[in-house]
Amino acid sequence: MPDAPQSYAHHTRWDPLFHFFVLPVTFLVTLGVIFHAIKDMFKYPGIDSIAHGIIHIVVVAALVVAVTKIRLNALKVQDRVIRLEERLRLATVLPENLRARIPELTQDQLVGLRFASDGELAGLVQRALNEKLSRDAIKKAIQNWRPDDARV
């Protein structure tokens, strides 16, 4: 459970193991491998040293790509689930005239709307559709924040 209630100013979620362990370790390993590969290429000139350094750099590049893809794929799945949840919620909360316009909302708009309370949802949906509000603009417009503590 977060220490402070969620709001626009305080809604970013940090995953300590990922953000403060996996990312820094990956960054440091990448720097170390590149540094040692370059140092060894100058210290021991030759095809073996160059090949060895290139192999290490390729392996660490694969690690960086894997860590990045793991995070991005989790966020993409999360956004898809939010899109589904919000469409279901909108179908039950919105008045009939706005219910027919739910398919016009973009995924980014649906993701931004997840923080809006039921009471202000219809007005924000109307604004999002009419003004083509971005995810960030929707979040800034929310008055009664509905926390989402189940994020990745």
C-alpha atoms as a PDB file:
ATOM      1  CA  MET A   1       0.000   0.000   0.000  1.00  0.00           C
ATOM      2  CA  PRO A   2       1.480   3.380  -0.928  1.00  0.00           C
ATOM      3  CA  ASP A   3       2.458   5.804   1.824  1.00  0.00           C
ATOM      4  CA  ALA A   4       0.525   8.775   0.379  1.00  0.00           C
ATOM      5  CA  PRO A   5      -2.794   8.783  -1.458  1.00  0.00           C
ATOM      6  CA  GLN A   6      -2.471   8.734  -5.230  1.00  0.00           C
ATOM      7  CA  SER A   7      -2.848  11.940  -7.192  1.00  0.00           C
ATOM      8  CA  TYR A   8      -1.394  13.301 -10.410  1.00  0.00           C
ATOM      9  CA  ALA A   9       1.661  14.483  -8.485  1.00  0.00           C
ATOM     10  CA  HIS A  10       2.049  11.138  -6.722  1.00  0.00           C
ATOM     11  CA  HIS A  11       0.917   8.217  -8.865  1.00  0.00           C
ATOM     12  CA  THR A  12       4.115   6.813 -10.359  1.00  0.00           C
ATOM     13  CA  ARG A  13       4.749   3.300  -9.175  1.00  0.00           C
ATOM     14  CA  TRP A  14       8.308   2.182  -8.517  1.00  0.00           C
ATOM     15  CA  ASP A  15       9.147  -1.502  -8.364  1.00  0.00           C
ATOM     16  CA  PRO A  16      12.208  -1.498  -6.076  1.00  0.00           C
ATOM     17  CA  LEU A  17      13.663  -4.796  -7.326  1.00  0.00           C
ATOM     18  CA  PHE A  18      13.371  -3.716 -10.955  1.00  0.00           C
ATOM     19  CA  HIS A  19      14.093   0.012 -10.758  1.00  0.00           C
ATOM     20  CA  PHE A  20      16.718  -0.028  -8.006  1.00  0.00           C
ATOM     21  CA  PHE A  21      18.379  -3.412  -8.530  1.00  0.00           C
ATOM     22  CA  VAL A  22      17.881  -4.898 -12.018  1.00  0.00           C
ATOM     23  CA  LEU A  23      18.277  -1.631 -13.963  1.00  0.00           C
ATOM     24  CA  PRO A  24      21.364  -0.357 -12.101  1.00  0.00           C
ATOM     25  CA  VAL A  25      23.058  -3.783 -12.193  1.00  0.00           C
ATOM     26  CA  THR A  26      22.334  -4.111 -15.921  1.00  0.00           C
ATOM     27  CA  PHE A  27      23.703  -0.621 -16.523  1.00  0.00           C
ATOM     28  CA  LEU A  28      26.866  -1.280 -14.500  1.00  0.00           C
ATOM     29  CA  VAL A  29      27.468  -4.659 -16.143  1.00  0.00           C
ATOM     30  CA  THR A  30      27.064  -3.043 -19.569  1.00  0.00           C
ATOM     31  CA  LEU A  31      29.583  -0.328 -18.741  1.00  0.00           C
ATOM     32  CA  GLY A  32      32.002  -2.874 -17.245  1.00  0.00           C
ATOM     33  CA  VAL A  33      31.843  -5.206 -20.232  1.00  0.00           C
ATOM     34  CA  ILE A  34      32.358  -2.374 -22.716  1.00  0.00           C
ATOM     35  CA  PHE A  35      35.226  -0.915 -20.681  1.00  0.00           C
ATOM     36  CA  HIS A  36      36.997  -4.283 -20.313  1.00  0.00           C
ATOM     37  CA  ALA A  37      36.426  -5.225 -23.957  1.00  0.00           C
ATOM     38  CA  ILE A  38      37.978  -1.983 -25.182  1.00  0.00           C
ATOM     39  CA  LYS A  39      40.813  -2.168 -22.635  1.00  0.00           C
ATOM     40  CA  ASP A  40      41.612  -5.767 -23.612  1.00  0.00           C
ATOM     41  CA  MET A  41      41.558  -4.936 -27.334  1.00  0.00           C
ATOM     42  CA  PHE A  42      44.279  -2.339 -26.760  1.00  0.00           C
ATOM     43  CA  LYS A  43      46.215  -4.371 -24.211  1.00  0.00           C
ATOM     44  CA  TYR A  44      46.193  -7.597 -26.261  1.00  0.00           C
ATOM     45  CA  PRO A  45      45.853  -6.550 -29.909  1.00  0.00           C
ATOM     46  CA  GLY A  46      44.812  -9.365 -32.177  1.00  0.00           C
ATOM     47  CA  ILE A  47      41.823 -11.102 -33.651  1.00  0.00           C
ATOM     48  CA  ASP A  48      41.216 -13.285 -30.573  1.00  0.00           C
ATOM     49  CA  SER A  49      40.998 -10.290 -28.268  1.00  0.00           C
ATOM     50  CA  ILE A  50      38.696  -8.417 -30.658  1.00  0.00           C
ATOM     51  CA  ALA A  51      36.449 -11.465 -31.154  1.00  0.00           C
ATOM     52  CA  HIS A  52      36.316 -12.058 -27.409  1.00  0.00           C
ATOM     53  CA  GLY A  53      35.382  -8.415 -26.770  1.00  0.00           C
ATOM     54  CA  ILE A  54      32.726  -8.414 -29.486  1.00  0.00           C
ATOM     55  CA  ILE A  55      31.159 -11.597 -28.105  1.00  0.00           C
ATOM     56  CA  HIS A  56      30.949 -10.048 -24.630  1.00  0.00           C
ATOM     57  CA  ILE A  57      29.430  -6.845 -26.015  1.00  0.00           C
ATOM     58  CA  VAL A  58      26.844  -8.815 -28.021  1.00  0.00           C
ATOM     59  CA  VAL A  59      25.903 -10.862 -24.943  1.00  0.00           C
ATOM     60  CA  VAL A  60      25.492  -7.761 -22.781  1.00  0.00           C
ATOM     61  CA  ALA A  61      23.483  -6.108 -25.593  1.00  0.00           C
ATOM     62  CA  ALA A  62      21.166  -9.141 -25.539  1.00  0.00           C
ATOM     63  CA  LEU A  63      20.831  -8.706 -21.764  1.00  0.00           C
ATOM     64  CA  VAL A  64      19.896  -5.038 -22.187  1.00  0.00           C
ATOM     65  CA  VAL A  65      17.331  -5.903 -24.875  1.00  0.00           C
ATOM     66  CA  ALA A  66      15.880  -8.690 -22.702  1.00  0.00           C
ATOM     67  CA  VAL A  67      15.514  -6.443 -19.633  1.00  0.00           C
ATOM     68  CA  THR A  68      13.924  -3.705 -21.761  1.00  0.00           C
ATOM     69  CA  LYS A  69      11.509  -6.082 -23.520  1.00  0.00           C
ATOM     70  CA  ILE A  70      10.506  -7.740 -20.250  1.00  0.00           C
ATOM     71  CA  ARG A  71       9.479  -4.374 -18.806  1.00  0.00           C
ATOM     72  CA  LEU A  72       7.801  -3.080 -21.980  1.00  0.00           C
ATOM     73  CA  ASN A  73       5.842  -6.302 -22.500  1.00  0.00           C
ATOM     74  CA  ALA A  74       4.560  -6.206 -18.922  1.00  0.00           C
ATOM     75  CA  LEU A  75       3.454  -2.591 -19.409  1.00  0.00           C
ATOM     76  CA  LYS A  76       1.762  -3.440 -22.709  1.00  0.00           C
ATOM     77  CA  VAL A  77      -0.204  -6.286 -21.117  1.00  0.00           C
ATOM     78  CA  GLN A  78      -1.125  -4.004 -18.219  1.00  0.00           C
ATOM     79  CA  ASP A  79      -2.448  -1.359 -20.634  1.00  0.00           C
ATOM     80  CA  ARG A  80      -4.514  -3.978 -22.463  1.00  0.00           C
ATOM     81  CA  VAL A  81      -6.067  -5.172 -19.207  1.00  0.00           C
ATOM     82  CA  ILE A  82      -6.770  -1.566 -18.176  1.00  0.00           C
ATOM     83  CA  ARG A  83      -8.401  -0.969 -21.571  1.00  0.00           C
ATOM     84  CA  LEU A  84     -10.716  -3.935 -21.026  1.00  0.00           C
ATOM     85  CA  GLU A  85     -11.514  -2.991 -17.414  1.00  0.00           C
ATOM     86  CA  GLU A  86     -12.258   0.617 -18.335  1.00  0.00           C
ATOM     87  CA  ARG A  87     -14.505  -0.323 -21.252  1.00  0.00           C
ATOM     88  CA  LEU A  88     -16.527  -2.535 -18.910  1.00  0.00           C
ATOM     89  CA  ARG A  89     -16.660   0.195 -16.278  1.00  0.00           C
ATOM     90  CA  LEU A  90     -17.652   2.845 -18.813  1.00  0.00           C
ATOM     91  CA  ALA A  91     -20.432   0.602 -20.133  1.00  0.00           C
ATOM     92  CA  THR A  92     -21.977   0.503 -16.651  1.00  0.00           C
ATOM     93  CA  VAL A  93     -21.309   4.101 -15.512  1.00  0.00           C
ATOM     94  CA  LEU A  94     -21.807   6.290 -18.588  1.00  0.00           C
ATOM     95  CA  PRO A  95     -25.159   7.601 -19.791  1.00  0.00           C
ATOM     96  CA  GLU A  96     -26.485   6.033 -23.002  1.00  0.00           C
ATOM     97  CA  ASN A  97     -25.365   8.874 -25.316  1.00  0.00           C
ATOM     98  CA  LEU A  98     -21.724   8.465 -24.216  1.00  0.00           C
ATOM     99  CA  ARG A  99     -21.870   4.673 -23.981  1.00  0.00           C
ATOM    100  CA  ALA A 100     -22.194   4.495 -27.773  1.00  0.00           C
ATOM    101  CA  ARG A 101     -18.959   6.502 -28.109  1.00  0.00           C
ATOM    102  CA  ILE A 102     -16.761   4.211 -25.969  1.00  0.00           C
ATOM    103  CA  PRO A 103     -15.076   2.698 -29.079  1.00  0.00           C
ATOM    104  CA  GLU A 104     -13.874   6.192 -30.053  1.00  0.00           C
ATOM    105  CA  LEU A 105     -11.628   6.400 -26.983  1.00  0.00           C
ATOM    106  CA  THR A 106      -7.986   5.577 -27.605  1.00  0.00           C
ATOM    107  CA  GLN A 107      -6.042   3.169 -25.441  1.00  0.00           C
ATOM    108  CA  ASP A 108      -4.095   6.096 -23.954  1.00  0.00           C
ATOM    109  CA  GLN A 109      -7.339   7.868 -23.056  1.00  0.00           C
ATOM    110  CA  LEU A 110      -8.740   4.733 -21.426  1.00  0.00           C
ATOM    111  CA  VAL A 111      -5.536   4.294 -19.439  1.00  0.00           C
ATOM    112  CA  GLY A 112      -5.731   7.912 -18.260  1.00  0.00           C
ATOM    113  CA  LEU A 113      -9.418   7.596 -17.337  1.00  0.00           C
ATOM    114  CA  ARG A 114      -8.764   4.688 -14.970  1.00  0.00           C
ATOM    115  CA  PHE A 115      -7.893   7.143 -12.203  1.00  0.00           C
ATOM    116  CA  ALA A 116     -11.147   9.151 -12.507  1.00  0.00           C
ATOM    117  CA  SER A 117     -13.887   8.630  -9.942  1.00  0.00           C
ATOM    118  CA  ASP A 118     -17.252   7.394 -11.193  1.00  0.00           C
ATOM    119  CA  GLY A 119     -18.823  10.783 -10.469  1.00  0.00           C
ATOM    120  CA  GLU A 120     -16.554  12.722 -12.815  1.00  0.00           C
ATOM    121  CA  LEU A 121     -16.100  10.002 -15.423  1.00  0.00           C
ATOM    122  CA  ALA A 122     -18.851  11.105 -17.824  1.00  0.00           C
ATOM    123  CA  GLY A 123     -17.572  14.679 -17.960  1.00  0.00           C
ATOM    124  CA  LEU A 124     -13.996  13.553 -18.545  1.00  0.00           C
ATOM    125  CA  VAL A 125     -15.024  11.103 -21.247  1.00  0.00           C
ATOM    126  CA  GLN A 126     -16.943  13.896 -22.998  1.00  0.00           C
ATOM    127  CA  ARG A 127     -13.903  16.184 -22.787  1.00  0.00           C
ATOM    128  CA  ALA A 128     -11.500  13.430 -23.866  1.00  0.00           C
ATOM    129  CA  LEU A 129     -13.595  12.754 -26.967  1.00  0.00           C
ATOM    130  CA  ASN A 130     -14.316  16.370 -27.876  1.00  0.00           C
ATOM    131  CA  GLU A 131     -10.903  17.817 -27.088  1.00  0.00           C
ATOM    132  CA  LYS A 132      -8.839  14.720 -28.023  1.00  0.00           C
ATOM    133  CA  LEU A 133      -7.187  14.834 -24.589  1.00  0.00           C
ATOM    134  CA  SER A 134      -3.962  12.891 -24.054  1.00  0.00           C
ATOM    135  CA  ARG A 135      -3.416  10.421 -21.224  1.00  0.00           C
ATOM    136  CA  ASP A 136      -1.494  13.061 -19.292  1.00  0.00           C
ATOM    137  CA  ALA A 137      -4.101  15.793 -19.878  1.00  0.00           C
ATOM    138  CA  ILE A 138      -6.835  13.476 -18.611  1.00  0.00           C
ATOM    139  CA  LYS A 139      -4.844  12.683 -15.462  1.00  0.00           C
ATOM    140  CA  LYS A 140      -4.272  16.396 -14.826  1.00  0.00           C
ATOM    141  CA  ALA A 141      -8.015  17.080 -15.193  1.00  0.00           C
ATOM    142  CA  ILE A 142      -9.066  14.520 -12.581  1.00  0.00           C
ATOM    143  CA  GLN A 143     -10.413  16.101  -9.388  1.00  0.00           C
ATOM    144  CA  ASN A 144     -11.319  12.978  -7.364  1.00  0.00           C
ATOM    145  CA  TRP A 145      -8.496  10.507  -7.815  1.00  0.00           C
ATOM    146  CA  ARG A 146      -9.351   6.792  -7.799  1.00  0.00           C
ATOM    147  CA  PRO A 147      -6.180   4.939  -6.812  1.00  0.00           C
ATOM    148  CA  ASP A 148      -4.862   2.052  -8.886  1.00  0.00           C
ATOM    149  CA  ASP A 149      -2.622   0.053  -6.552  1.00  0.00           C
ATOM    150  CA  ALA A 150      -2.540  -3.091  -8.715  1.00  0.00           C
ATOM    151  CA  ARG A 151      -0.196  -1.731 -11.383  1.00  0.00           C
ATOM    152  CA  VAL A 152       2.988  -3.355 -12.605  1.00  0.00           C
END
